[in-house]
Amino acid sequence: MAPTPVSPSASSYTPANATITMYCRRFVGNLLKGQTVGVIGAGRIGSAYARMMIEGFKMNLIYYDLYQATRLENFVTAYGQFLKANGEEPVTWKRAATMEDVLREADVISLHPVLDKTTYHLINPERLAIMKKEAVLVNASRGPVIDEAALVEHLKANPMFRVGLDVFEDEPYMKPGLADMKNAVVVPHIASASKWTREGMATLSALNVLGKIKGYPVWGNPNQVEPFLQENLTPPPACPSIVNAKQIGLPSAKL
């Protein structure tokens, strides 16, 4: 069984001051299995998140993106067939026609769009209002994608609505009241805080500097990195150079 994350208030209870009744009745969440995860922005990160939720919790998928996420759709289809072949309920996917469709239908919604003038305050009072009363909203994008002041008011009015934030509209500050909300989990922009990731970031930076010194061009489009990720093709002779260090004569990264 896969319950939703435990209420933040549960962290204040320990076996010494909690009773069996508290454990049985107070800290109860909803089952994720069979519910719907909504992804807004199904690029590399959004698709990776979707796969984690689908394979880890057997959730169905609804996503919205300007471009069709064919690889993600194929993965969900194949995984659904695998589940069905093993006597389990298959997972499903749907590409939404509008972002509002995702907000209305999803039980867990994760935001992964780029931040530009079209996505500033993408989540506003009107869009918060159409989400399910017990929805979980996760922002893994950029803080200003959410109207944070409107979010605080929505959390106050809907105590079963929950939000998880790693980013904020005016970092390092939060809008008044957000830090006090029991139905909000906030962390200080530390989603990359694993030893493997931070070492990789440092290695990538160092190899890119070295690559530039050796005369290789800097890759011009940071959002177009697929040429570096094709397993059957030789990556371009350009920075970033963590995956093509050997091809351009740099020290190999051991990660």
C-alpha atoms as a PDB file:
ATOM      1  CA  MET A   1       0.000   0.000   0.000  1.00  0.00           C
ATOM      2  CA  ALA A   2       1.200   3.498  -0.769  1.00  0.00           C
ATOM      3  CA  PRO A   3      -0.169   6.251   1.483  1.00  0.00           C
ATOM      4  CA  THR A   4       0.336   9.917   0.842  1.00  0.00           C
ATOM      5  CA  PRO A   5       3.141  11.570   2.823  1.00  0.00           C
ATOM      6  CA  VAL A   6       2.487  11.883   6.540  1.00  0.00           C
ATOM      7  CA  SER A   7       1.152  15.202   7.769  1.00  0.00           C
ATOM      8  CA  PRO A   8       3.937  17.632   8.752  1.00  0.00           C
ATOM      9  CA  SER A   9       2.370  17.851  12.218  1.00  0.00           C
ATOM     10  CA  ALA A  10       3.157  14.168  12.739  1.00  0.00           C
ATOM     11  CA  SER A  11       6.832  15.044  13.098  1.00  0.00           C
ATOM     12  CA  SER A  12       6.091  16.694  16.445  1.00  0.00           C
ATOM     13  CA  TYR A  13       4.839  13.421  17.911  1.00  0.00           C
ATOM     14  CA  THR A  14       7.132  10.733  19.263  1.00  0.00           C
ATOM     15  CA  PRO A  15       6.355   7.324  20.779  1.00  0.00           C
ATOM     16  CA  ALA A  16       6.815   8.923  24.194  1.00  0.00           C
ATOM     17  CA  ASN A  17       3.989  11.439  23.826  1.00  0.00           C
ATOM     18  CA  ALA A  18       1.687   9.751  21.300  1.00  0.00           C
ATOM     19  CA  THR A  19      -0.972   7.118  21.889  1.00  0.00           C
ATOM     20  CA  ILE A  20      -2.180   4.290  19.686  1.00  0.00           C
ATOM     21  CA  THR A  21      -5.378   6.246  19.102  1.00  0.00           C
ATOM     22  CA  MET A  22      -3.374   9.170  17.734  1.00  0.00           C
ATOM     23  CA  TYR A  23      -1.532   6.900  15.324  1.00  0.00           C
ATOM     24  CA  CYS A  24      -4.704   5.152  14.147  1.00  0.00           C
ATOM     25  CA  ARG A  25      -6.968   8.152  13.661  1.00  0.00           C
ATOM     26  CA  ARG A  26      -4.999  11.357  13.347  1.00  0.00           C
ATOM     27  CA  PHE A  27      -2.234  10.843  10.827  1.00  0.00           C
ATOM     28  CA  VAL A  28      -4.176   9.222   8.005  1.00  0.00           C
ATOM     29  CA  GLY A  29      -3.629   9.988   4.334  1.00  0.00           C
ATOM     30  CA  ASN A  30      -5.132   8.856   1.047  1.00  0.00           C
ATOM     31  CA  LEU A  31      -3.963   5.893  -1.008  1.00  0.00           C
ATOM     32  CA  LEU A  32      -1.972   6.959  -4.075  1.00  0.00           C
ATOM     33  CA  LYS A  33      -2.410   3.691  -5.957  1.00  0.00           C
ATOM     34  CA  GLY A  34      -5.059   4.084  -8.620  1.00  0.00           C
ATOM     35  CA  GLN A  35      -5.237   7.852  -8.237  1.00  0.00           C
ATOM     36  CA  THR A  36      -4.123  10.289 -10.925  1.00  0.00           C
ATOM     37  CA  VAL A  37      -0.873  12.207 -11.054  1.00  0.00           C
ATOM     38  CA  GLY A  38      -0.961  15.366 -13.126  1.00  0.00           C
ATOM     39  CA  VAL A  39       2.195  16.752 -14.701  1.00  0.00           C
ATOM     40  CA  ILE A  40       2.350  20.232 -16.183  1.00  0.00           C
ATOM     41  CA  GLY A  41       5.446  20.384 -18.359  1.00  0.00           C
ATOM     42  CA  ALA A  42       6.429  16.866 -19.440  1.00  0.00           C
ATOM     43  CA  GLY A  43      10.010  17.520 -20.451  1.00  0.00           C
ATOM     44  CA  ARG A  44      12.984  15.573 -19.110  1.00  0.00           C
ATOM     45  CA  ILE A  45      12.329  16.381 -15.445  1.00  0.00           C
ATOM     46  CA  GLY A  46       8.556  16.259 -15.642  1.00  0.00           C
ATOM     47  CA  SER A  47       8.678  12.907 -17.420  1.00  0.00           C
ATOM     48  CA  ALA A  48      11.148  11.505 -14.880  1.00  0.00           C
ATOM     49  CA  TYR A  49       8.823  12.585 -12.064  1.00  0.00           C
ATOM     50  CA  ALA A  50       5.846  11.023 -13.824  1.00  0.00           C
ATOM     51  CA  ARG A  51       7.668   7.714 -14.252  1.00  0.00           C
ATOM     52  CA  MET A  52       8.616   7.707 -10.575  1.00  0.00           C
ATOM     53  CA  MET A  53       4.999   8.189  -9.483  1.00  0.00           C
ATOM     54  CA  ILE A  54       3.598   5.716 -12.014  1.00  0.00           C
ATOM     55  CA  GLU A  55       6.079   2.925 -11.398  1.00  0.00           C
ATOM     56  CA  GLY A  56       6.457   3.589  -7.686  1.00  0.00           C
ATOM     57  CA  PHE A  57       2.802   4.051  -6.764  1.00  0.00           C
ATOM     58  CA  LYS A  58       0.920   2.681  -9.802  1.00  0.00           C
ATOM     59  CA  MET A  59      -0.786   6.010 -10.435  1.00  0.00           C
ATOM     60  CA  ASN A  60      -2.518   6.948 -13.671  1.00  0.00           C
ATOM     61  CA  LEU A  61      -1.163   9.915 -15.628  1.00  0.00           C
ATOM     62  CA  ILE A  62      -2.662  13.041 -17.095  1.00  0.00           C
ATOM     63  CA  TYR A  63      -0.226  15.572 -18.494  1.00  0.00           C
ATOM     64  CA  TYR A  64      -0.187  18.887 -20.301  1.00  0.00           C
ATOM     65  CA  ASP A  65       2.635  20.029 -22.527  1.00  0.00           C
ATOM     66  CA  LEU A  66       2.910  21.985 -25.740  1.00  0.00           C
ATOM     67  CA  TYR A  67       4.707  18.994 -27.229  1.00  0.00           C
ATOM     68  CA  GLN A  68       3.658  15.369 -27.169  1.00  0.00           C
ATOM     69  CA  ALA A  69       5.688  13.300 -24.686  1.00  0.00           C
ATOM     70  CA  THR A  70       5.882  10.192 -26.862  1.00  0.00           C
ATOM     71  CA  ARG A  71       8.551   8.398 -24.840  1.00  0.00           C
ATOM     72  CA  LEU A  72       6.587   8.924 -21.640  1.00  0.00           C
ATOM     73  CA  GLU A  73       3.373   7.710 -23.254  1.00  0.00           C
ATOM     74  CA  ASN A  74       5.154   4.591 -24.552  1.00  0.00           C
ATOM     75  CA  PHE A  75       6.557   3.902 -21.096  1.00  0.00           C
ATOM     76  CA  VAL A  76       3.145   4.117 -19.418  1.00  0.00           C
ATOM     77  CA  THR A  77       1.583   1.935 -22.104  1.00  0.00           C
ATOM     78  CA  ALA A  78       4.292  -0.718 -21.720  1.00  0.00           C
ATOM     79  CA  TYR A  79       4.115  -0.619 -17.928  1.00  0.00           C
ATOM     80  CA  GLY A  80       0.345  -0.939 -18.061  1.00  0.00           C
ATOM     81  CA  GLN A  81       0.669  -4.009 -20.259  1.00  0.00           C
ATOM     82  CA  PHE A  82       3.193  -5.481 -17.818  1.00  0.00           C
ATOM     83  CA  LEU A  83       0.806  -4.964 -14.889  1.00  0.00           C
ATOM     84  CA  LYS A  84      -2.117  -6.458 -16.793  1.00  0.00           C
ATOM     85  CA  ALA A  85      -0.051  -9.506 -17.768  1.00  0.00           C
ATOM     86  CA  ASN A  86       0.654 -10.063 -14.085  1.00  0.00           C
ATOM     87  CA  GLY A  87      -2.973  -9.840 -13.015  1.00  0.00           C
ATOM     88  CA  GLU A  88      -2.923  -6.212 -11.827  1.00  0.00           C
ATOM     89  CA  GLU A  89      -4.958  -3.206 -12.860  1.00  0.00           C
ATOM     90  CA  PRO A  90      -3.071  -1.456 -15.681  1.00  0.00           C
ATOM     91  CA  VAL A  91      -2.068   2.184 -15.413  1.00  0.00           C
ATOM     92  CA  THR A  92      -3.291   4.648 -18.032  1.00  0.00           C
ATOM     93  CA  TRP A  93      -2.191   7.944 -19.545  1.00  0.00           C
ATOM     94  CA  LYS A  94      -3.933  10.906 -21.132  1.00  0.00           C
ATOM     95  CA  ARG A  95      -2.562  14.029 -22.773  1.00  0.00           C
ATOM     96  CA  ALA A  96      -4.815  16.874 -21.664  1.00  0.00           C
ATOM     97  CA  ALA A  97      -6.080  19.428 -24.147  1.00  0.00           C
ATOM     98  CA  THR A  98      -5.742  22.209 -21.566  1.00  0.00           C
ATOM     99  CA  MET A  99      -3.876  22.768 -18.340  1.00  0.00           C
ATOM    100  CA  GLU A 100      -7.214  23.248 -16.595  1.00  0.00           C
ATOM    101  CA  ASP A 101      -8.099  19.631 -17.425  1.00  0.00           C
ATOM    102  CA  VAL A 102      -5.057  18.492 -15.441  1.00  0.00           C
ATOM    103  CA  LEU A 103      -5.934  20.710 -12.485  1.00  0.00           C
ATOM    104  CA  ARG A 104      -9.506  19.427 -12.355  1.00  0.00           C
ATOM    105  CA  GLU A 105      -8.755  15.716 -12.718  1.00  0.00           C
ATOM    106  CA  ALA A 106      -5.465  15.097 -10.917  1.00  0.00           C
ATOM    107  CA  ASP A 107      -5.109  14.102  -7.274  1.00  0.00           C
ATOM    108  CA  VAL A 108      -1.417  15.008  -7.207  1.00  0.00           C
ATOM    109  CA  ILE A 109      -0.198  17.850  -9.438  1.00  0.00           C
ATOM    110  CA  SER A 110       3.460  18.595 -10.105  1.00  0.00           C
ATOM    111  CA  LEU A 111       4.641  21.738 -11.878  1.00  0.00           C
ATOM    112  CA  HIS A 112       7.591  21.556 -14.294  1.00  0.00           C
ATOM    113  CA  PRO A 113       7.253  24.436 -16.791  1.00  0.00           C
ATOM    114  CA  VAL A 114       9.948  26.954 -17.625  1.00  0.00           C
ATOM    115  CA  LEU A 115       9.484  30.396 -16.087  1.00  0.00           C
ATOM    116  CA  ASP A 116       8.694  33.117 -18.593  1.00  0.00           C
ATOM    117  CA  LYS A 117       6.015  35.748 -19.073  1.00  0.00           C
ATOM    118  CA  THR A 118       3.484  33.091 -20.073  1.00  0.00           C
ATOM    119  CA  THR A 119       3.981  31.000 -16.927  1.00  0.00           C
ATOM    120  CA  TYR A 120       4.315  33.784 -14.337  1.00  0.00           C
ATOM    121  CA  HIS A 121       1.544  33.145 -11.764  1.00  0.00           C
ATOM    122  CA  LEU A 122       0.419  30.179 -13.837  1.00  0.00           C
ATOM    123  CA  ILE A 123      -1.244  28.937 -10.654  1.00  0.00           C
ATOM    124  CA  ASN A 124      -3.522  31.805  -9.636  1.00  0.00           C
ATOM    125  CA  PRO A 125      -6.701  32.062  -7.538  1.00  0.00           C
ATOM    126  CA  GLU A 126      -8.924  30.936 -10.405  1.00  0.00           C
ATOM    127  CA  ARG A 127      -6.847  27.837 -11.122  1.00  0.00           C
ATOM    128  CA  LEU A 128      -6.453  26.962  -7.458  1.00  0.00           C
ATOM    129  CA  ALA A 129     -10.233  27.040  -7.174  1.00  0.00           C
ATOM    130  CA  ILE A 130     -10.770  24.338  -9.799  1.00  0.00           C
ATOM    131  CA  MET A 131      -8.434  21.819  -8.140  1.00  0.00           C
ATOM    132  CA  LYS A 132      -9.790  19.054  -5.943  1.00  0.00           C
ATOM    133  CA  LYS A 133     -10.287  20.017  -2.311  1.00  0.00           C
ATOM    134  CA  GLU A 134      -7.855  17.282  -1.206  1.00  0.00           C
ATOM    135  CA  ALA A 135      -5.345  17.711  -4.015  1.00  0.00           C
ATOM    136  CA  VAL A 136      -1.592  17.774  -3.457  1.00  0.00           C
ATOM    137  CA  LEU A 137       0.289  20.492  -5.368  1.00  0.00           C
ATOM    138  CA  VAL A 138       4.066  20.246  -5.819  1.00  0.00           C
ATOM    139  CA  ASN A 139       6.178  23.015  -7.324  1.00  0.00           C
ATOM    140  CA  ALA A 140       9.449  21.647  -8.674  1.00  0.00           C
ATOM    141  CA  SER A 141       9.792  24.483 -11.178  1.00  0.00           C
ATOM    142  CA  ARG A 142      10.337  28.132 -10.217  1.00  0.00           C
ATOM    143  CA  GLY A 143       8.710  30.080  -7.402  1.00  0.00           C
ATOM    144  CA  PRO A 144       6.892  32.745  -9.454  1.00  0.00           C
ATOM    145  CA  VAL A 145       4.962  30.052 -11.322  1.00  0.00           C
ATOM    146  CA  ILE A 146       2.629  30.156  -8.299  1.00  0.00           C
ATOM    147  CA  ASP A 147       0.886  33.250  -6.975  1.00  0.00           C
ATOM    148  CA  GLU A 148       2.168  32.645  -3.462  1.00  0.00           C
ATOM    149  CA  ALA A 149      -0.150  35.083  -1.703  1.00  0.00           C
ATOM    150  CA  ALA A 150      -3.143  33.428  -3.363  1.00  0.00           C
ATOM    151  CA  LEU A 151      -1.772  30.039  -2.370  1.00  0.00           C
ATOM    152  CA  VAL A 152      -1.646  31.046   1.303  1.00  0.00           C
ATOM    153  CA  GLU A 153      -5.298  32.105   1.195  1.00  0.00           C
ATOM    154  CA  HIS A 154      -6.249  28.860  -0.538  1.00  0.00           C
ATOM    155  CA  LEU A 155      -4.432  26.790   2.087  1.00  0.00           C
ATOM    156  CA  LYS A 156      -6.255  28.659   4.848  1.00  0.00           C
ATOM    157  CA  ALA A 157      -9.646  28.106   3.255  1.00  0.00           C
ATOM    158  CA  ASN A 158      -8.994  24.467   2.324  1.00  0.00           C
ATOM    159  CA  PRO A 159      -7.236  22.639   5.168  1.00  0.00           C
ATOM    160  CA  MET A 160      -7.244  19.308   3.274  1.00  0.00           C
ATOM    161  CA  PHE A 161      -5.456  20.852   0.298  1.00  0.00           C
ATOM    162  CA  ARG A 162      -1.695  20.284   0.575  1.00  0.00           C
ATOM    163  CA  VAL A 163       1.339  21.791  -1.073  1.00  0.00           C
ATOM    164  CA  GLY A 164       5.020  20.929  -1.275  1.00  0.00           C
ATOM    165  CA  LEU A 165       7.422  23.732  -2.184  1.00  0.00           C
ATOM    166  CA  ASP A 166      11.151  23.726  -2.842  1.00  0.00           C
ATOM    167  CA  VAL A 167      11.048  27.175  -4.486  1.00  0.00           C
ATOM    168  CA  PHE A 168       9.459  30.506  -3.581  1.00  0.00           C
ATOM    169  CA  GLU A 169       8.248  33.580  -5.389  1.00  0.00           C
ATOM    170  CA  ASP A 170      10.666  35.984  -3.691  1.00  0.00           C
ATOM    171  CA  GLU A 171      13.516  33.729  -2.566  1.00  0.00           C
ATOM    172  CA  PRO A 172      14.870  33.563   0.036  1.00  0.00           C
ATOM    173  CA  TYR A 173      11.672  35.017   1.525  1.00  0.00           C
ATOM    174  CA  MET A 174       8.182  33.529   1.757  1.00  0.00           C
ATOM    175  CA  LYS A 175       4.888  35.362   1.595  1.00  0.00           C
ATOM    176  CA  PRO A 176       3.408  36.088   5.065  1.00  0.00           C
ATOM    177  CA  GLY A 177       1.619  33.140   6.571  1.00  0.00           C
ATOM    178  CA  LEU A 178       3.088  30.410   4.359  1.00  0.00           C
ATOM    179  CA  ALA A 179       5.574  29.145   6.935  1.00  0.00           C
ATOM    180  CA  ASP A 180       2.767  28.777   9.492  1.00  0.00           C
ATOM    181  CA  MET A 181       0.518  26.618   7.351  1.00  0.00           C
ATOM    182  CA  LYS A 182       0.148  23.054   8.642  1.00  0.00           C
ATOM    183  CA  ASN A 183      -0.825  21.820   5.177  1.00  0.00           C
ATOM    184  CA  ALA A 184       2.350  23.114   3.531  1.00  0.00           C
ATOM    185  CA  VAL A 185       5.718  21.374   3.400  1.00  0.00           C
ATOM    186  CA  VAL A 186       8.484  23.808   2.504  1.00  0.00           C
ATOM    187  CA  VAL A 187      12.209  23.226   2.038  1.00  0.00           C
ATOM    188  CA  PRO A 188      14.889  25.815   1.131  1.00  0.00           C
ATOM    189  CA  HIS A 189      15.537  25.018  -2.557  1.00  0.00           C
ATOM    190  CA  ILE A 190      17.482  21.836  -1.808  1.00  0.00           C
ATOM    191  CA  ALA A 191      16.026  19.377  -4.309  1.00  0.00           C
ATOM    192  CA  SER A 192      19.520  18.821  -5.688  1.00  0.00           C
ATOM    193  CA  ALA A 193      21.037  18.194  -2.259  1.00  0.00           C
ATOM    194  CA  SER A 194      22.397  14.713  -2.747  1.00  0.00           C
ATOM    195  CA  LYS A 195      26.108  13.915  -2.705  1.00  0.00           C
ATOM    196  CA  TRP A 196      25.930  12.393  -6.194  1.00  0.00           C
ATOM    197  CA  THR A 197      24.161  15.414  -7.697  1.00  0.00           C
ATOM    198  CA  ARG A 198      26.322  18.088  -6.093  1.00  0.00           C
ATOM    199  CA  GLU A 199      29.524  16.272  -7.058  1.00  0.00           C
ATOM    200  CA  GLY A 200      28.173  15.955 -10.585  1.00  0.00           C
ATOM    201  CA  MET A 201      27.394  19.679 -10.757  1.00  0.00           C
ATOM    202  CA  ALA A 202      30.903  20.546  -9.618  1.00  0.00           C
ATOM    203  CA  THR A 203      32.482  18.070 -12.042  1.00  0.00           C
ATOM    204  CA  LEU A 204      30.389  19.349 -14.933  1.00  0.00           C
ATOM    205  CA  SER A 205      31.385  22.950 -14.209  1.00  0.00           C
ATOM    206  CA  ALA A 206      35.087  22.081 -14.011  1.00  0.00           C
ATOM    207  CA  LEU A 207      35.028  20.027 -17.218  1.00  0.00           C
ATOM    208  CA  ASN A 208      33.147  22.753 -19.069  1.00  0.00           C
ATOM    209  CA  VAL A 209      35.799  25.301 -18.114  1.00  0.00           C
ATOM    210  CA  LEU A 210      38.509  22.915 -19.255  1.00  0.00           C
ATOM    211  CA  GLY A 211      36.646  22.175 -22.457  1.00  0.00           C
ATOM    212  CA  LYS A 212      36.374  25.884 -23.245  1.00  0.00           C
ATOM    213  CA  ILE A 213      40.085  26.378 -22.546  1.00  0.00           C
ATOM    214  CA  LYS A 214      40.848  23.555 -24.994  1.00  0.00           C
ATOM    215  CA  GLY A 215      38.868  25.378 -27.671  1.00  0.00           C
ATOM    216  CA  TYR A 216      35.552  23.523 -27.707  1.00  0.00           C
ATOM    217  CA  PRO A 217      32.391  25.619 -28.108  1.00  0.00           C
ATOM    218  CA  VAL A 218      29.834  26.044 -25.365  1.00  0.00           C
ATOM    219  CA  TRP A 219      26.549  24.346 -26.248  1.00  0.00           C
ATOM    220  CA  GLY A 220      24.276  27.238 -27.172  1.00  0.00           C
ATOM    221  CA  ASN A 221      20.847  25.957 -26.134  1.00  0.00           C
ATOM    222  CA  PRO A 222      20.574  24.771 -22.510  1.00  0.00           C
ATOM    223  CA  ASN A 223      17.071  23.413 -23.163  1.00  0.00           C
ATOM    224  CA  GLN A 224      18.185  21.263 -26.102  1.00  0.00           C
ATOM    225  CA  VAL A 225      20.345  18.615 -24.501  1.00  0.00           C
ATOM    226  CA  GLU A 226      18.925  15.508 -26.186  1.00  0.00           C
ATOM    227  CA  PRO A 227      22.014  15.105 -28.417  1.00  0.00           C
ATOM    228  CA  PHE A 228      24.024  14.438 -25.253  1.00  0.00           C
ATOM    229  CA  LEU A 229      21.549  11.843 -23.992  1.00  0.00           C
ATOM    230  CA  GLN A 230      21.248   9.536 -27.010  1.00  0.00           C
ATOM    231  CA  GLU A 231      22.881   6.296 -25.889  1.00  0.00           C
ATOM    232  CA  ASN A 232      23.522   5.023 -29.420  1.00  0.00           C
ATOM    233  CA  LEU A 233      25.076   8.230 -30.759  1.00  0.00           C
ATOM    234  CA  THR A 234      28.359  10.008 -30.101  1.00  0.00           C
ATOM    235  CA  PRO A 235      27.651  13.227 -28.168  1.00  0.00           C
ATOM    236  CA  PRO A 236      28.598  16.536 -29.838  1.00  0.00           C
ATOM    237  CA  PRO A 237      32.173  17.869 -29.369  1.00  0.00           C
ATOM    238  CA  ALA A 238      31.013  20.749 -27.200  1.00  0.00           C
ATOM    239  CA  CYS A 239      30.417  21.666 -23.581  1.00  0.00           C
ATOM    240  CA  PRO A 240      28.652  20.285 -21.493  1.00  0.00           C
ATOM    241  CA  SER A 241      31.399  17.738 -21.281  1.00  0.00           C
ATOM    242  CA  ILE A 242      30.505  15.420 -18.408  1.00  0.00           C
ATOM    243  CA  VAL A 243      29.120  12.854 -20.857  1.00  0.00           C
ATOM    244  CA  ASN A 244      31.563  13.399 -23.712  1.00  0.00           C
ATOM    245  CA  ALA A 245      34.784  14.010 -21.781  1.00  0.00           C
ATOM    246  CA  LYS A 246      36.540  11.082 -23.423  1.00  0.00           C
ATOM    247  CA  GLN A 247      35.588  12.162 -26.931  1.00  0.00           C
ATOM    248  CA  ILE A 248      37.062  15.632 -26.512  1.00  0.00           C
ATOM    249  CA  GLY A 249      40.136  14.559 -24.613  1.00  0.00           C
ATOM    250  CA  LEU A 250      39.203  15.586 -21.065  1.00  0.00           C
ATOM    251  CA  PRO A 251      39.556  13.602 -17.836  1.00  0.00           C
ATOM    252  CA  SER A 252      36.678  11.140 -17.603  1.00  0.00           C
ATOM    253  CA  ALA A 253      34.043  11.848 -14.958  1.00  0.00           C
ATOM    254  CA  LYS A 254      33.516   8.936 -12.588  1.00  0.00           C
ATOM    255  CA  LEU A 255      29.972   9.388 -11.293  1.00  0.00           C
END
